């Protein structure tokens, strides 16, 4: 591919329903953020953790605090992209532990000259998992100045590509975009993760 890529893990949420920081919750034998880091490490020249919690420094990557607090993932996206050294950026939320490397490789193949390439799964886009070009920062900042904090609305104002994810794709699993938001979700994710152990699911 030849392009240098920055990976951003979004870990700045309040995790109200979980009762503690989601990315640091143990899922199997590692914290949930570890799954996303493993995937991005295989693809990216630079990794940033978007978080407002100093505990994330233990992963030995730069931790980027939100420049503007309490505006949701758009704030983390803005702060992370503004600090990225590279034009090409992969973004992944820490609470999506079943996204894998093959998905991102497919997205990168499709991105062409779009400002963003975002998975469309069962008719819904997944803006916290996808490709962004650094030039989208202008649109994000404009959106924030208007006090409009929806990622989907921001994308509507950008030149972005919907990357439709279908069952026949080699990286497909029904749980690929599952969000782990509650203790019940975490228990269910632990059962799903057991089925993927020793299969190189995340980095195949």
Protein backbone atom coordinates (compact mmCIF):
# COMPACT_ATOMS: atom_id res chain seq x y z
CA UNK A 1 0.00 0.00 0.00
CA UNK A 2 2.88 2.33 0.77
CA UNK A 3 0.83 4.92 2.66
CA UNK A 4 1.69 5.72 6.25
CA UNK A 5 -1.33 5.35 8.49
CA UNK A 6 -2.25 6.66 11.92
CA UNK A 7 -4.56 4.55 14.07
CA UNK A 8 -6.79 6.22 16.64
CA UNK A 9 -8.54 4.26 19.38
CA UNK A 10 -11.53 6.20 20.75
CA UNK A 11 -11.61 5.62 24.50
CA UNK A 12 -12.94 8.92 25.79
CA UNK A 13 -16.52 7.94 26.61
CA UNK A 14 -17.96 8.20 30.10
CA UNK A 15 -18.97 4.51 30.20
CA UNK A 16 -21.98 5.34 32.38
CA UNK A 17 -23.76 2.03 31.75
CA UNK A 18 -20.63 -0.05 32.40
CA UNK A 19 -19.81 1.62 35.72
CA UNK A 20 -16.12 1.91 34.81
CA UNK A 21 -13.99 2.84 31.81
CA UNK A 22 -14.98 0.39 29.05
CA UNK A 23 -11.61 0.14 27.41
CA UNK A 24 -10.00 -1.05 30.64
CA UNK A 25 -12.61 -3.78 31.34
CA UNK A 26 -11.12 -7.26 31.03
CA UNK A 27 -12.45 -9.32 28.13
CA UNK A 28 -10.91 -12.75 28.30
CA UNK A 29 -7.21 -12.37 29.02
CA UNK A 30 -6.78 -8.67 28.18
CA UNK A 31 -8.46 -5.29 28.55
CA UNK A 32 -11.00 -4.54 25.85
CA UNK A 33 -8.84 -1.83 24.26
CA UNK A 34 -6.18 -4.50 23.70
CA UNK A 35 -8.19 -6.05 20.87
CA UNK A 36 -8.36 -2.81 18.94
CA UNK A 37 -4.70 -2.04 19.58
CA UNK A 38 -3.71 -5.47 18.27
CA UNK A 39 -5.63 -4.88 15.05
CA UNK A 40 -4.28 -1.37 14.46
CA UNK A 41 -0.69 -2.30 15.36
CA UNK A 42 -0.59 -4.59 12.32
CA UNK A 43 -1.62 -1.75 9.98
CA UNK A 44 -0.46 1.57 11.40
CA UNK A 45 2.84 3.45 11.67
CA UNK A 46 1.49 5.59 14.50
CA UNK A 47 -1.13 4.84 17.16
CA UNK A 48 -2.91 7.38 19.33
CA UNK A 49 -5.32 6.73 22.19
CA UNK A 50 -8.08 9.29 22.44
CA UNK A 51 -8.91 9.33 26.16
CA UNK A 52 -9.32 11.57 29.17
CA UNK A 53 -8.00 8.99 31.62
CA UNK A 54 -4.29 8.81 32.44
CA UNK A 55 -4.58 5.06 33.07
CA UNK A 56 -4.32 4.57 29.29
CA UNK A 57 -0.69 5.68 29.43
CA UNK A 58 0.16 2.14 30.57
CA UNK A 59 -0.24 1.01 26.94
CA UNK A 60 2.77 3.15 25.95
CA UNK A 61 1.10 5.12 23.19
CA UNK A 62 0.39 8.86 23.23
CA UNK A 63 -2.87 9.61 25.05
CA UNK A 64 -4.72 12.54 23.46
CA UNK A 65 -7.21 14.30 25.72
CA UNK A 66 -10.31 15.90 24.23
CA UNK A 67 -9.68 19.54 23.39
CA UNK A 68 -13.41 20.08 23.96
CA UNK A 69 -14.99 17.87 26.61
CA UNK A 70 -18.45 16.33 26.78
CA UNK A 71 -19.37 16.47 23.08
CA UNK A 72 -19.18 12.74 22.45
CA UNK A 73 -16.98 10.85 19.98
CA UNK A 74 -16.82 13.82 17.60
CA UNK A 75 -14.62 15.56 20.18
CA UNK A 76 -12.27 12.59 20.41
CA UNK A 77 -12.15 12.31 16.64
CA UNK A 78 -11.26 15.99 16.26
CA UNK A 79 -8.55 15.85 18.92
CA UNK A 80 -7.04 12.63 17.55
CA UNK A 81 -7.04 13.68 13.90
CA UNK A 82 -5.52 17.07 14.75
CA UNK A 83 -2.58 15.27 16.43
CA UNK A 84 -2.12 12.62 13.73
CA UNK A 85 1.17 12.81 11.82
CA UNK A 86 -0.23 11.05 8.76
CA UNK A 87 -2.92 11.99 6.24
CA UNK A 88 -4.50 8.54 6.32
CA UNK A 89 -6.22 7.57 9.55
CA UNK A 90 -8.01 4.47 10.83
CA UNK A 91 -10.42 4.98 13.72
CA UNK A 92 -11.82 2.34 16.05
CA UNK A 93 -13.88 2.63 19.20
CA UNK A 94 -12.48 0.69 22.16
CA UNK A 95 -15.87 -0.97 22.78
CA UNK A 96 -15.92 -2.84 19.42
CA UNK A 97 -13.70 -5.87 20.18
CA UNK A 98 -14.69 -7.97 17.16
CA UNK A 99 -13.46 -5.68 14.39
CA UNK A 100 -10.53 -7.32 12.61
CA UNK A 101 -7.60 -6.40 10.40
CA UNK A 102 -9.18 -7.85 7.26
CA UNK A 103 -12.11 -5.44 7.58
CA UNK A 104 -9.78 -2.45 7.67
CA UNK A 105 -7.78 -3.75 4.71
CA UNK A 106 -11.00 -3.98 2.73
CA UNK A 107 -12.00 -0.43 3.73
CA UNK A 108 -8.56 0.85 2.66
CA UNK A 109 -8.98 -0.84 -0.72
CA UNK A 110 -12.26 1.03 -1.27
CA UNK A 111 -11.39 4.50 0.07
CA UNK A 112 -10.11 6.07 -3.19
CA UNK A 113 -10.10 9.87 -2.74
CA UNK A 114 -12.95 10.08 -0.25
CA UNK A 115 -12.57 12.04 2.98
CA UNK A 116 -13.97 9.05 4.84
CA UNK A 117 -14.86 5.42 4.13
CA UNK A 118 -17.29 4.05 6.70
CA UNK A 119 -18.80 0.57 7.05
CA UNK A 120 -22.50 0.22 6.31
CA UNK A 121 -23.77 -2.83 8.23
CA UNK A 122 -27.39 -3.88 7.85
CA UNK A 123 -28.33 -0.39 6.69
CA UNK A 124 -26.57 1.47 9.50
CA UNK A 125 -23.24 3.23 9.22
CA UNK A 126 -20.54 2.71 11.87
CA UNK A 127 -18.70 6.05 12.08
CA UNK A 128 -16.51 5.01 15.03
CA UNK A 129 -14.91 2.32 12.87
CA UNK A 130 -13.46 3.36 9.56
CA UNK A 131 -11.10 5.43 7.46
CA UNK A 132 -10.72 9.20 7.65
CA UNK A 133 -8.47 11.56 5.71
CA UNK A 134 -6.87 14.30 7.75
CA UNK A 135 -8.54 16.91 5.54
CA UNK A 136 -11.90 16.05 7.09
CA UNK A 137 -10.73 17.98 10.15
CA UNK A 138 -12.04 21.23 8.63
CA UNK A 139 -15.54 19.77 8.37
CA UNK A 140 -15.40 18.39 11.91
CA UNK A 141 -14.31 21.75 13.32
CA UNK A 142 -17.05 23.56 11.40
CA UNK A 143 -19.61 21.10 12.77
CA UNK A 144 -18.40 21.69 16.33
CA UNK A 145 -18.55 25.47 15.91
CA UNK A 146 -22.21 25.00 14.96
CA UNK A 147 -22.64 22.92 18.13
CA UNK A 148 -23.77 19.95 16.09
CA UNK A 149 -22.04 16.90 17.53
CA UNK A 150 -23.50 14.01 15.55
CA UNK A 151 -20.90 11.95 13.66
CA UNK A 152 -23.52 10.93 11.13
CA UNK A 153 -24.49 14.53 10.45
CA UNK A 154 -20.84 15.45 10.04
CA UNK A 155 -20.40 12.70 7.47
CA UNK A 156 -23.45 13.92 5.55
CA UNK A 157 -21.55 17.17 5.03
CA UNK A 158 -18.41 15.38 3.86
CA UNK A 159 -17.42 13.51 0.74
CA UNK A 160 -17.66 10.04 2.25
CA UNK A 161 -18.12 6.49 1.03
CA UNK A 162 -20.44 3.89 2.53
CA UNK A 163 -18.61 0.56 2.47
CA UNK A 164 -21.35 -2.06 2.50
CA UNK A 165 -20.47 -5.12 4.60
CA UNK A 166 -22.07 -8.36 3.45
CA UNK A 167 -22.27 -11.87 4.85
CA UNK A 168 -20.16 -13.50 2.15
CA UNK A 169 -17.09 -11.40 2.96
CA UNK A 170 -14.25 -13.43 4.47
CA UNK A 171 -13.97 -11.24 7.57
CA UNK A 172 -17.70 -11.23 8.28
CA UNK A 173 -19.16 -12.29 11.61
CA UNK A 174 -22.59 -11.26 12.94
CA UNK A 175 -20.89 -9.67 15.96
CA UNK A 176 -18.28 -7.68 14.03
CA UNK A 177 -19.70 -4.27 15.03
CA UNK A 178 -21.11 -5.29 18.41
CA UNK A 179 -20.75 -2.55 21.03
CA UNK A 180 -19.94 -3.59 24.59
CA UNK A 181 -21.74 -1.03 26.76
CA UNK A 182 -22.98 -2.96 29.81
CA UNK A 183 -21.90 -5.78 32.09
CA UNK A 184 -24.33 -8.07 30.27
CA UNK A 185 -22.75 -7.10 26.93
CA UNK A 186 -19.33 -7.85 28.40
CA UNK A 187 -20.41 -11.33 29.51
CA UNK A 188 -21.88 -12.05 26.08
CA UNK A 189 -18.73 -10.75 24.37
CA UNK A 190 -16.59 -13.03 26.53
CA UNK A 191 -18.54 -16.05 25.26
CA UNK A 192 -18.19 -14.89 21.64
CA UNK A 193 -14.45 -14.28 22.09
CA UNK A 194 -13.94 -17.87 23.29
CA UNK A 195 -15.10 -19.08 19.89
CA UNK A 196 -12.44 -17.01 18.12
CA UNK A 197 -9.46 -18.00 20.24
CA UNK A 198 -6.56 -19.65 18.40
CA UNK A 199 -8.08 -18.78 15.03
CA UNK A 200 -6.11 -15.56 14.34
CA UNK A 201 -9.51 -13.93 13.92
CA UNK A 202 -8.38 -10.41 14.74
CA UNK A 203 -5.27 -10.21 12.55
CA UNK A 204 -5.86 -12.76 9.78
